[in-house]
Structures are given as structure tokens and as C-alpha cells.
Protein backbone atom coordinates (compact mmCIF):
# COMPACT_ATOMS: atom_id res chain seq x y z
CA MET A 1 25.52 1.08 -9.04
CA ALA A 2 25.25 -2.50 -10.93
CA GLU A 3 26.99 -4.25 -7.62
CA THR A 4 23.91 -2.31 -5.80
CA ALA A 5 21.36 -3.36 -8.14
CA ASN A 6 21.33 -6.87 -7.25
CA ILE A 7 20.75 -6.10 -3.27
CA GLY A 8 17.74 -7.33 -2.07
CA VAL A 9 16.03 -7.99 -4.83
CA LEU A 10 13.21 -10.80 -4.79
CA PRO A 11 12.41 -12.71 -8.05
CA LEU A 12 9.16 -12.94 -8.76
CA GLN A 13 8.65 -16.77 -8.55
CA LYS A 14 10.20 -16.84 -5.23
CA ARG A 15 7.57 -14.21 -4.12
CA SER A 16 4.82 -16.21 -4.73
CA GLN A 17 5.60 -18.64 -2.19
CA TRP A 18 5.18 -15.93 0.60
CA VAL A 19 1.33 -17.44 0.01
CA ARG A 20 0.37 -19.09 3.29
CA LEU A 21 -1.84 -21.93 2.81
CA ARG A 22 -3.65 -20.89 5.53
CA THR A 23 -4.72 -17.75 4.18
CA LEU A 24 -6.26 -19.51 1.50
CA ILE A 25 -8.34 -21.92 3.76
CA GLY A 26 -9.19 -19.18 6.07
CA LEU A 27 -10.26 -17.05 2.53
CA ARG A 28 -12.16 -20.23 1.45
CA TRP A 29 -14.13 -21.00 5.09
CA VAL A 30 -15.89 -17.48 5.04
CA ALA A 31 -16.20 -18.17 1.09
CA ILE A 32 -18.61 -21.18 2.49
CA ALA A 33 -20.21 -19.46 5.43
CA GLY A 34 -21.30 -16.83 2.69
CA GLN A 35 -22.73 -19.60 0.17
CA ILE A 36 -24.44 -21.62 3.13
CA VAL A 37 -26.59 -18.02 3.99
CA ALA A 38 -26.78 -16.86 0.58
CA ILE A 39 -28.88 -20.46 0.00
CA THR A 40 -31.01 -20.55 3.45
CA VAL A 41 -31.90 -16.71 3.09
CA SER A 42 -32.79 -17.21 -0.17
CA GLN A 43 -35.01 -20.55 0.74
CA ALA A 44 -36.61 -18.76 3.83
CA TRP A 45 -37.11 -15.46 2.95
CA PHE A 46 -37.34 -14.76 -0.75
CA ASP A 47 -39.25 -18.02 -1.41
CA LEU A 48 -36.86 -19.59 -4.51
CA LYS A 49 -36.79 -23.31 -5.43
CA MET A 50 -33.49 -24.36 -5.74
CA PRO A 51 -31.81 -27.55 -6.01
CA ILE A 52 -30.48 -28.05 -2.09
CA GLY A 53 -28.89 -30.83 -2.81
CA LEU A 54 -27.02 -29.91 -5.69
CA CYS A 55 -26.48 -26.49 -3.73
CA PHE A 56 -24.82 -27.81 -0.75
CA PHE A 57 -22.90 -31.05 -3.03
CA ALA A 58 -21.18 -28.06 -4.26
CA VAL A 59 -20.65 -26.57 -1.27
CA GLY A 60 -19.37 -29.57 0.39
CA LEU A 61 -16.83 -29.90 -2.28
CA ALA A 62 -14.89 -26.88 -1.01
CA ILE A 63 -15.38 -28.10 2.90
CA ILE A 64 -13.85 -31.55 1.87
CA ALA A 65 -10.93 -29.82 -0.27
CA ASN A 66 -10.39 -27.19 3.23
CA LEU A 67 -10.31 -30.43 5.56
CA PHE A 68 -8.08 -32.41 3.14
CA SER A 69 -5.78 -29.38 2.84
CA ILE A 70 -5.28 -29.24 6.94
CA PHE A 71 -4.47 -32.53 7.45
CA VAL A 72 -2.57 -33.34 4.97
CA TYR A 73 -0.24 -30.67 4.91
CA PRO A 74 1.59 -28.88 7.75
CA GLU A 75 0.29 -25.56 9.34
CA ASN A 76 3.25 -23.18 7.96
CA LYS A 77 3.20 -24.71 4.40
CA ARG A 78 3.74 -22.12 1.73
CA LEU A 79 2.49 -22.87 -1.64
CA SER A 80 4.15 -22.80 -4.56
CA GLU A 81 3.17 -21.17 -7.72
CA GLN A 82 1.40 -23.92 -8.85
CA GLU A 83 -0.29 -24.77 -5.94
CA ALA A 84 -1.73 -21.63 -5.19
CA ALA A 85 -2.68 -21.09 -8.74
CA GLY A 86 -4.65 -24.79 -8.49
CA MET A 87 -6.46 -23.52 -4.92
CA LEU A 88 -7.79 -20.47 -7.05
CA MET A 89 -8.39 -22.57 -10.17
CA PHE A 90 -10.27 -24.83 -7.82
CA ASP A 91 -12.05 -21.97 -6.42
CA ILE A 92 -13.33 -20.39 -9.83
CA VAL A 93 -14.94 -24.30 -10.46
CA GLN A 94 -16.36 -24.61 -7.59
CA ILE A 95 -18.08 -21.40 -7.33
CA THR A 96 -19.06 -21.63 -11.27
CA LEU A 97 -20.63 -25.10 -10.39
CA LEU A 98 -22.45 -23.09 -7.40
CA LEU A 99 -23.86 -20.29 -9.91
CA PHE A 100 -24.59 -23.04 -12.55
CA PHE A 101 -27.09 -24.48 -10.02
CA THR A 102 -28.53 -21.09 -8.90
CA GLY A 103 -29.58 -19.24 -12.23
CA GLY A 104 -26.08 -18.29 -13.65
CA LEU A 105 -25.72 -14.80 -14.44
CA ASN A 106 -28.88 -14.07 -13.71
CA ASN A 107 -27.63 -14.47 -10.05
CA PRO A 108 -25.68 -11.74 -8.47
CA PHE A 109 -23.47 -13.22 -6.70
CA ALA A 110 -21.60 -14.10 -10.28
CA LEU A 111 -19.34 -11.13 -9.27
CA LEU A 112 -17.55 -13.77 -6.81
CA LEU A 113 -15.77 -15.02 -10.32
CA LEU A 114 -13.34 -11.76 -9.60
CA ALA A 115 -12.15 -12.61 -6.47
CA PRO A 116 -9.99 -15.54 -7.79
CA VAL A 117 -8.15 -13.50 -10.45
CA THR A 118 -7.96 -10.57 -8.22
CA VAL A 119 -6.13 -12.88 -5.15
CA SER A 120 -3.48 -14.47 -8.38
CA ALA A 121 -3.21 -10.66 -9.56
CA THR A 122 -1.65 -10.11 -6.34
CA ALA A 123 0.46 -12.72 -5.21
CA LEU A 124 1.28 -15.04 -8.66
CA ARG A 125 2.88 -14.37 -11.67
CA VAL A 126 1.62 -12.81 -15.15
CA LYS A 127 1.56 -16.13 -16.84
CA SER A 128 -0.86 -17.98 -13.72
CA THR A 129 -2.92 -14.88 -13.62
CA ILE A 130 -3.70 -15.06 -17.58
CA VAL A 131 -4.65 -18.91 -17.19
CA LEU A 132 -7.21 -18.00 -14.43
CA GLY A 133 -8.67 -14.78 -15.77
CA ALA A 134 -9.04 -16.32 -18.82
CA THR A 135 -11.09 -19.65 -17.35
CA SER A 136 -12.84 -17.50 -15.80
CA ALA A 137 -14.32 -15.38 -18.44
CA VAL A 138 -14.66 -18.53 -20.79
CA LEU A 139 -16.68 -20.36 -17.78
CA MET A 140 -18.92 -17.08 -16.71
CA SER A 141 -19.33 -16.64 -20.52
CA VAL A 142 -20.93 -20.80 -20.48
CA LEU A 143 -22.82 -18.78 -17.29
CA ALA A 144 -24.53 -16.38 -19.44
CA PHE A 145 -26.25 -19.60 -21.52
CA ALA A 146 -26.25 -22.78 -19.62
CA TYR A 147 -27.74 -22.86 -15.74
CA ILE A 148 -30.92 -24.21 -13.75
CA PRO A 149 -33.61 -21.53 -13.66
CA LEU A 150 -34.15 -19.68 -10.42
CA VAL A 151 -38.14 -20.37 -9.73
CA ASP A 152 -39.91 -19.08 -6.66
CA THR A 153 -43.00 -21.09 -5.26
CA ASN A 154 -45.39 -19.71 -7.67
CA GLY A 155 -43.32 -21.26 -10.51
CA VAL A 156 -42.23 -17.75 -11.79
CA VAL A 157 -38.25 -17.74 -12.87
CA GLN A 158 -36.45 -14.98 -11.61
CA GLN A 159 -34.03 -13.78 -14.02
CA LEU A 160 -33.08 -10.29 -15.61
CA PRO A 161 -33.63 -8.70 -18.87
CA VAL A 162 -31.35 -10.01 -21.67
CA LEU A 163 -30.27 -6.52 -22.16
CA PHE A 164 -29.45 -6.62 -18.67
CA ARG A 165 -28.47 -9.94 -18.78
CA PHE A 166 -26.04 -9.26 -21.56
CA GLY A 167 -24.60 -6.10 -19.49
CA PHE A 168 -23.91 -7.72 -16.65
CA TRP A 169 -21.57 -10.59 -18.35
CA VAL A 170 -19.86 -7.46 -20.48
CA ALA A 171 -19.00 -5.60 -17.22
CA ASN A 172 -18.11 -8.97 -15.43
CA LEU A 173 -15.17 -9.82 -18.08
CA ILE A 174 -14.48 -5.81 -18.17
CA GLY A 175 -14.25 -6.21 -14.40
CA ILE A 176 -11.90 -9.84 -14.51
CA VAL A 177 -9.06 -7.50 -16.51
CA PHE A 178 -9.53 -4.46 -14.92
CA MET A 179 -9.02 -5.66 -11.11
CA ALA A 180 -6.97 -8.24 -12.17
CA ALA A 181 -4.43 -5.18 -13.68
CA TYR A 182 -4.91 -2.64 -11.07
CA ALA A 183 -4.07 -4.83 -8.68
CA GLY A 184 -1.81 -6.76 -10.51
CA LYS A 185 0.03 -2.87 -11.14
CA VAL A 186 -0.07 -1.94 -7.66
CA MET A 187 1.35 -5.18 -6.13
CA SER A 188 4.09 -4.55 -8.39
CA GLU A 189 5.20 -1.07 -7.33
CA VAL A 190 4.79 -2.04 -3.85
CA ASN A 191 6.88 -5.17 -4.26
CA ASN A 192 9.25 -2.93 -6.34
CA MET A 193 9.41 -0.26 -3.63
CA SER A 194 9.47 -2.59 -0.71
CA ASP A 195 13.04 -4.27 -2.40
CA ALA A 196 14.23 -1.01 -3.52
CA LEU A 197 13.79 0.05 -0.03
CA LEU A 198 15.44 -3.15 1.24
CA ALA A 199 18.78 -2.52 -1.01
CA THR A 200 18.80 0.59 0.60
CA GLN A 201 19.24 -0.10 4.27
CA MET A 202 21.76 -2.92 2.78
CA ALA A 203 23.88 -0.27 1.33
CA LEU A 204 23.42 1.92 4.07
CA ALA A 205 24.08 -0.66 7.13
CA ARG A 206 27.27 -1.53 4.48
CA GLU A 207 28.87 2.21 4.55
CA GLN A 208 27.95 2.27 8.28
CA LYS A 209 30.17 -1.08 8.72
CA LEU A 210 32.81 0.95 6.68
CA THR A 211 32.55 3.81 8.97
CA ASP A 212 32.86 2.13 12.25
CA LEU A 213 35.90 -0.18 11.05
CA GLY A 214 37.48 2.93 9.94
CA GLY A 215 36.89 4.28 13.65
CA VAL A 216 38.23 0.62 14.70
CA VAL A 217 41.27 0.76 12.79
CA ALA A 218 42.05 4.37 14.12
CA ALA A 219 41.53 3.46 17.40
CA ALA A 220 43.41 0.43 17.72
CA ALA A 221 46.83 2.60 16.06
CA HIS A 222 46.18 5.24 18.81
CA GLU A 223 45.65 2.32 21.51
CA LEU A 224 49.13 0.54 20.42
CA GLY A 225 51.14 3.62 19.62
CA THR A 226 52.51 3.08 23.55
CA PRO A 227 52.97 -0.31 24.07
CA LEU A 228 55.09 -0.28 20.00
CA ALA A 229 56.73 3.05 21.51
CA THR A 230 57.97 1.01 24.34
CA ILE A 231 58.93 -2.31 22.50
CA LYS A 232 61.25 0.49 20.46
CA LEU A 233 63.01 1.84 24.00
CA VAL A 234 63.71 -1.63 25.35
CA SER A 235 65.14 -2.78 22.27
CA ALA A 236 67.12 -0.19 21.71
CA GLU A 237 68.58 -0.71 25.24
CA LEU A 238 69.00 -4.48 24.32
CA MET A 239 71.43 -3.27 21.75
CA GLU A 240 73.56 -1.02 23.59
CA GLU A 241 73.53 -4.16 26.35
CA LEU A 242 74.35 -6.36 23.92
CA SER A 243 77.05 -4.88 21.99
CA ASP A 244 79.49 -7.58 22.52
CA ASN A 245 76.99 -10.22 20.82
CA PRO A 246 76.70 -9.44 17.42
CA ASP A 247 74.01 -12.59 16.66
CA LEU A 248 71.98 -11.18 20.54
CA ARG A 249 72.01 -7.42 19.01
CA ASP A 250 70.85 -8.04 15.73
CA ASP A 251 67.84 -9.79 16.95
CA ALA A 252 67.44 -6.67 18.99
CA ALA A 253 67.60 -4.35 16.07
CA LEU A 254 65.28 -6.83 14.21
CA ILE A 255 62.52 -6.53 17.13
CA ARG A 256 63.03 -2.28 16.96
CA ASP A 257 62.62 -2.56 13.06
CA GLN A 258 59.84 -4.71 13.45
CA ALA A 259 58.14 -2.44 15.89
CA ASP A 260 58.36 0.55 13.76
CA ARG A 261 56.92 -1.20 10.36
CA CYS A 262 53.85 -1.98 12.88
CA ARG A 263 54.12 1.35 13.90
CA ASP A 264 53.63 2.72 10.19
CA ILE A 265 51.31 0.24 9.06
CA LEU A 266 49.33 1.25 11.59
CA ARG A 267 49.45 4.98 10.64
CA SER A 268 48.55 3.98 7.37
CA MET A 269 45.48 1.91 7.93
CA GLY A 270 44.28 4.94 10.39
CA ARG A 271 45.30 7.98 7.84
CA ALA A 272 41.49 8.70 7.41
CA GLY A 273 41.12 9.40 10.74
CA LYS A 274 44.00 9.37 13.63
CA ASP A 275 41.12 9.91 16.17
CA ASP A 276 37.91 9.35 16.78
CA THR A 277 36.55 13.15 16.15
CA HIS A 278 38.16 12.87 12.96
CA MET A 279 36.01 10.16 12.22
CA HIS A 280 32.84 11.62 12.89
CA VAL A 281 33.34 15.61 11.61
CA ALA A 282 35.55 16.67 8.79
CA PRO A 283 35.25 20.03 6.21
CA PHE A 284 32.66 19.68 3.71
CA ALA A 285 34.63 19.14 0.72
CA THR A 286 36.68 16.82 2.74
CA VAL A 287 33.96 14.41 2.81
CA VAL A 288 32.72 14.94 -0.83
CA SER A 289 35.98 14.40 -1.90
CA GLU A 290 35.48 10.80 -0.11
CA ALA A 291 32.72 9.88 -1.40
CA ALA A 292 34.06 10.72 -5.15
CA GLU A 293 37.43 8.92 -4.11
CA PRO A 294 36.30 5.65 -6.07
CA HIS A 295 35.70 6.78 -8.87
CA GLN A 296 38.52 9.43 -9.68
CA ASP A 297 40.70 6.31 -11.30
CA ARG A 298 37.77 5.26 -14.09
CA GLY A 299 38.90 7.16 -17.08
CA LYS A 300 37.28 9.80 -16.53
CA THR A 301 38.71 12.98 -15.26
CA VAL A 302 36.86 14.40 -11.97
CA HIS A 303 37.43 17.83 -11.33
CA PHE A 304 36.41 19.67 -7.92
CA GLU A 305 35.10 23.51 -7.69
CA PHE A 306 34.19 25.47 -5.32
CA ALA A 307 31.02 28.50 -5.18
CA ALA A 308 30.84 29.17 -2.20
CA ASP A 309 29.56 32.80 -0.56
CA LEU A 310 32.82 33.92 0.58
CA GLU A 311 31.15 37.55 0.99
CA ASN A 312 28.88 36.68 3.61
CA ASP A 313 30.49 33.50 4.71
CA PRO A 314 33.52 32.76 4.18
CA ARG A 315 33.95 29.47 6.34
CA GLU A 316 33.87 26.46 5.14
CA PRO A 317 30.86 23.84 7.00
CA THR A 318 32.51 21.24 9.11
CA ILE A 319 29.61 18.61 9.02
CA MET A 320 29.06 15.12 10.79
CA ARG A 321 30.48 12.11 8.41
CA ARG A 322 27.39 10.09 7.82
CA PRO A 323 27.16 7.04 5.70
CA GLU A 324 23.94 8.08 3.88
CA ILE A 325 25.76 11.57 2.90
CA ILE A 326 28.80 9.70 1.87
CA HIS A 327 26.80 6.60 -0.13
CA GLY A 328 24.02 8.85 -1.65
CA LEU A 329 26.39 11.11 -2.73
CA ARG A 330 28.84 8.23 -4.38
CA ASN A 331 26.23 6.93 -6.06
CA LEU A 332 25.50 10.04 -7.57
CA VAL A 333 29.17 10.58 -8.53
CA GLN A 334 28.91 7.05 -9.97
CA ASN A 335 26.23 7.45 -12.39
CA ALA A 336 28.17 11.13 -13.98
CA VAL A 337 31.42 8.96 -14.25
CA ASP A 338 29.69 5.90 -16.16
CA PHE A 339 28.13 7.98 -18.60
CA ALA A 340 30.61 11.06 -18.74
CA SER A 341 32.71 11.31 -22.39
CA ALA A 342 35.55 12.80 -20.69
CA ASN A 343 34.97 15.02 -17.55
CA VAL A 344 32.74 14.79 -14.07
CA TRP A 345 32.52 18.42 -12.01
CA VAL A 346 31.83 18.49 -8.59
CA GLU A 347 31.21 21.76 -7.75
CA MET A 348 30.51 22.72 -3.91
CA GLN A 349 29.46 25.64 -2.68
CA TRP A 350 27.97 27.20 0.59
CA SER A 351 26.56 29.95 1.81
CA GLU A 352 24.65 31.55 5.40
CA HIS A 353 21.87 28.68 5.33
CA GLN A 354 22.59 26.38 2.59
CA VAL A 355 25.21 23.75 1.88
CA GLY A 356 24.97 22.06 -1.56
CA VAL A 357 26.80 19.90 -4.37
CA ARG A 358 26.31 20.03 -8.01
CA ILE A 359 27.35 16.94 -10.52
CA MET A 360 27.69 17.71 -13.63
CA ASP A 361 29.31 15.73 -16.78
CA ASP A 362 29.99 15.93 -20.19
CA GLY A 363 27.60 13.35 -21.64
CA ASP A 364 24.07 13.03 -22.95
CA GLY A 365 22.27 13.58 -20.22
CA TYR A 366 18.58 12.35 -19.50
CA SER A 367 16.63 10.60 -21.90
CA PRO A 368 13.45 13.19 -22.04
CA ASN A 369 10.96 10.68 -21.07
CA ILE A 370 12.23 9.61 -18.18
CA ILE A 371 13.61 12.99 -16.40
CA GLY A 372 10.61 12.93 -15.05
CA ARG A 373 10.75 9.60 -13.39
CA ILE A 374 14.41 9.47 -12.01
CA GLY A 375 13.84 8.69 -8.63
CA ASP A 376 11.31 5.94 -9.15
CA PRO A 377 12.82 1.97 -8.29
CA PHE A 378 13.65 -0.30 -11.01
CA MET A 379 12.84 2.30 -13.28
CA ARG A 380 13.24 0.96 -17.32
CA ASN A 381 13.65 3.34 -20.11
CA ARG A 382 11.71 2.80 -23.51
CA ARG A 383 13.67 1.02 -26.08
CA THR A 384 14.61 4.50 -28.27
CA SER A 385 17.68 5.29 -29.32
CA GLU A 386 18.30 6.90 -26.31
CA THR A 387 19.75 3.34 -24.97
CA THR A 388 22.57 3.09 -27.80
CA LYS A 389 23.38 6.81 -26.39
CA ARG A 390 23.56 5.67 -22.59
CA PRO A 391 24.02 1.90 -22.60
CA GLY A 392 23.27 0.54 -19.15
CA TYR A 393 20.86 3.49 -18.77
CA GLU A 394 18.25 1.13 -18.13
CA GLY A 395 19.44 -0.62 -14.62
CA MET A 396 20.23 2.89 -13.20
CA GLY A 397 16.82 3.22 -11.42
CA LEU A 398 17.39 1.49 -8.63
CA GLY A 399 20.99 3.11 -7.85
CA LEU A 400 19.70 6.60 -8.28
CA PHE A 401 16.61 6.01 -6.15
CA ILE A 402 18.73 4.33 -3.23
CA ALA A 403 21.12 8.05 -3.77
CA LYS A 404 18.10 10.00 -3.76
CA THR A 405 16.47 8.07 -0.54
CA LEU A 406 19.69 8.18 1.69
CA LEU A 407 20.55 11.87 0.77
CA GLU A 408 16.59 12.69 1.28
CA ARG A 409 17.11 10.88 4.85
CA SER A 410 19.91 13.36 5.70
CA GLY A 411 17.50 16.48 5.01
CA ALA A 412 18.55 16.95 1.48
CA SER A 413 16.31 17.97 -1.77
CA LEU A 414 17.53 16.73 -5.05
CA SER A 415 16.47 18.10 -8.61
CA PHE A 416 18.07 16.57 -11.79
CA ALA A 417 18.36 18.08 -15.11
CA ASN A 418 20.42 18.38 -18.49
CA GLY A 419 22.97 20.73 -19.16
CA PHE A 420 21.46 21.76 -22.74
CA ASP A 421 18.49 21.46 -24.09
CA PRO A 422 17.84 17.65 -25.76
CA PHE A 423 15.20 19.46 -28.85
CA MET A 424 17.55 22.00 -30.24
CA ASP A 425 19.57 21.62 -33.52
CA ASP A 426 22.75 19.87 -33.43
CA GLY A 427 25.19 22.32 -32.93
CA PRO A 428 28.00 23.55 -30.44
CA ARG A 429 26.77 22.38 -27.10
CA PRO A 430 28.40 24.01 -23.71
CA GLU A 431 31.03 21.88 -22.30
CA ARG A 432 28.94 21.10 -19.31
CA CYS A 433 25.91 19.40 -21.71
CA GLY A 434 25.68 16.43 -20.09
CA ALA A 435 23.23 15.44 -16.61
CA VAL A 436 22.90 17.67 -14.16
CA VAL A 437 22.16 16.60 -10.52
CA GLU A 438 21.94 18.99 -7.54
CA VAL A 439 21.54 18.58 -3.46
CA LEU A 440 21.29 20.96 -1.37
CA TRP A 441 21.20 21.27 2.33
CA PRO A 442 20.03 23.86 4.83
CA ARG A 443 22.82 24.51 6.56
CA GLU A 444 21.78 23.48 10.25
CA LEU A 445 21.07 20.05 9.56
CA ILE A 446 24.25 19.36 8.15
CA GLU A 447 26.77 21.73 9.89
CA ALA A 448 28.16 19.49 13.22
CA PRO A 449 27.42 21.80 16.19
CA THR A 450 30.36 23.71 17.30
CA ARG A 451 32.30 22.05 20.24
CA GLN A 452 32.48 23.55 23.43
CA GLY A 453 34.63 23.16 26.44
CA GLY A 454 35.53 20.01 25.44
CA GLU A 455 32.45 18.92 24.92
CA LYS A 456 32.36 15.48 22.71
CA TRP A 457 30.73 14.61 19.27
CA ASP A 458 27.69 13.08 19.68
CA GLU A 459 28.00 10.02 16.87
CA ASN A 460 24.39 8.90 17.18
CA LYS A 461 23.03 12.61 16.94
CA ARG A 462 20.80 13.18 14.04
CA PHE A 463 19.48 16.19 12.38
């Protein structure tokens, strides 16, 4: 699972380079248009006297910055962390300058200072967001005391009462922190889920390639059987005809022996499935055993048991050998072997309506504070004594997410539990006292259809 956990995970500093320059330029054009409209409407409809030259100077700075970016950088330019933070910092300063000319915090558009910080929280690292948020908070605090008042045509200063202005200032400061934290948390979860799903797809593709490779090998063994048999037959005839020439007879014998060797190699390579049917379907216990096979020689004993409802349905189900089932079960067995003390039990069960696997170990079980979050990608355990009991526990989140996602894709439902109460007093524990994972499928979703009249298995069928 440690190998799987590194698949598809993109460092955050690389993710910040997903921001396109054109995106920020487009957003800035929208802001410029809104600023021009607000200035015009304030003068024409509300009769406010403002320093128009200074206001359009502030707007002009934004226009010049956009034009500079358009003509200097290519259209497909993607911003680095520092470049994106620099553009957002410019937006904060430009908005602050315009607010300074138009009443400071008495201007309701002071709320726009939250926008660059929120954008930073969705695209940049925490360090950049903290710097931008702190800058925005300081400049907003300055605007609470230093600004050019808004005056109407009658000379009346338009300003909020002190209490309301103080409340607006506090609300904006809280908004900066809340919006940045909220946007950052949501975006972090979205990115984690995206990375985890990408890793899941890569793991499934890898398992599918291995399955396809087994089919190719089996097909090659089948197709090469006839020519190898012909070579062996002809070499045997040559040996009889060349009995009076020992050197040529030895060469013919060598050809026969090498043909036998090729046959044995192909038979060994194709023993996982001697024809296409065997590569696509197999008894349920065979598929489970195949999934657990890579982890049976890692110093822990893996026990296979059956708990079938033999009275009602003695027939073992034959299922499709789907890569998601094999890889998902393999990850669960790997997790059990990683944290078991000495033994892992893989219990297979089936009845008339259900097929299932229960995987148990004799380790310390799941930590109580994370058992409800098992299956979340990139899960991190708190630094408690449990991390010493189960070293490497922090890295298991992605592997279990992949297993859960793949198995649920096949129609299974999963449940996670412990084989004992972690809060009970120290005393004799049951043998199977560690983690317990149960995977259940409705039988009609996983069982391969019955073949009739020479009907071939449909390898593309999905249930």
C-alpha cells in the first residue's frame, strides 16, 4: 500500500501552477468594469462628490497591469506560486487605494477585499494565503481611520455611525479568516479526492494490464503448442534417419529437447489460465486466494477458512475475475498482514443471496478516533500512543480508499470494526482481536452467468 499511496499525488507547490494568467486577467477585467460602473452611478444617481481623477487613476493602474500582462506573457501562461501571489497582492492594494479615495470602510464595497484572499485559499499554499490575508486585514484596519470622506452635492458627509463602522470592520476581518479557511478546506478535500481517484484508476489499470498479460501468455501457450509439437515430431524422425551420423543426430536431439523446454516454459507461464475462459471466470475461493497470494510469504500466517451455508446452497459461486475485486481484496489483505502480530484469517462465505469475505488479524486493531473515517483518502491519525502501536498507520488512508472504491465499484458493501473492545481492561483477548473488514456482495451481482450451449463468457460484461 505504501507503493500505491504514491500514485497520482501532486505536490501542492505544483498544483498552484494550474492557475492560468488569463483567468486572473479575466476576473480583473470584470472587477474593472464593476469599479467604473460604481463610480459613474455614484456620481450620476446618488450625487456623491468624489475625487474622480484619483479614482480613475486607481482604475487605470489595474487596466495598465492587465494590458502589460496580455502583451508581455503568452496566452497559455501558467503562474508560479510567487507570480499568482503577486497578482493577488496587486489587486488588494488597488482595491484599497480605490476605497481610500471613496470613503474607506464607509464604502460597502470594502467587502471586495475578501475576494483575493479567497482566490488564494483555493489555489495557493497556506503560507501565501496567510500573507495575503494579513495584508488585507492590515489595510482594512487602516481604512477604518484614514480615508477621503464621501460628500454629496449638499456638502453632507456620508458615513456610518461609529458602532456600525466598527461592526463592519470586525465582520470583514472575520470574513477574511472564515472565507479563506472555508475555501481552503473545501478545495483541499476536493484535491485529495481527485488525487485519490486518479490513484485508484491507475491501480485498476495496472491490475487490468496484469490480467490482460496473463491472457496473452495463455493464448500464446495455446497457439504455439501445435508448431512445437510439429518440431518435436520432425526432430524425432530426423533422429531415426540420421542414426548413422552421430553429430547430426545429436543436433536433431537438441532441437527436440529445446522444443520440450519451450513447451514447459509456456505451460509454466500460462498455468494461471490455460484458456480464455479460465482467465475470465474462476471459483470464488480461487479468486480470493489469488488476491492474497503476494502476501502469504511475508512472515505472517494467512489462514483460509470457509463459512458457507452448505445446507441451503452447497455450490461454490463462480465469479468473474475482475481486476477491481482482485486489487481491492489484495489491499485489504496487505493491510491485515502489515499490522498483524502473527496471523491473518481470510474467511469466505456464501449463501443463496450473498457472497462475502471477512478479513481478520491478531494485531491491535483500528484506533478508535479514526475508525469512523476509514476509507477517506489521505487520512491522518492524531499523534497518540496508537501511532507507536501501529507504526506506519498514518500512511494507510489512500490504500484503504482505493480498496473501498474498487470493491464498491463491483457492487460490494464494506464494514470496518475491531475484534475486541479497545476500552476494556487489560486481560485475555480473543485470538482474532485485531481489525475486522467484511466485504459483502449480492450474489446476483458477482456470480458469473451460467454458460449455455457453447455461449462464450462476455469479458466486457459489468454487473
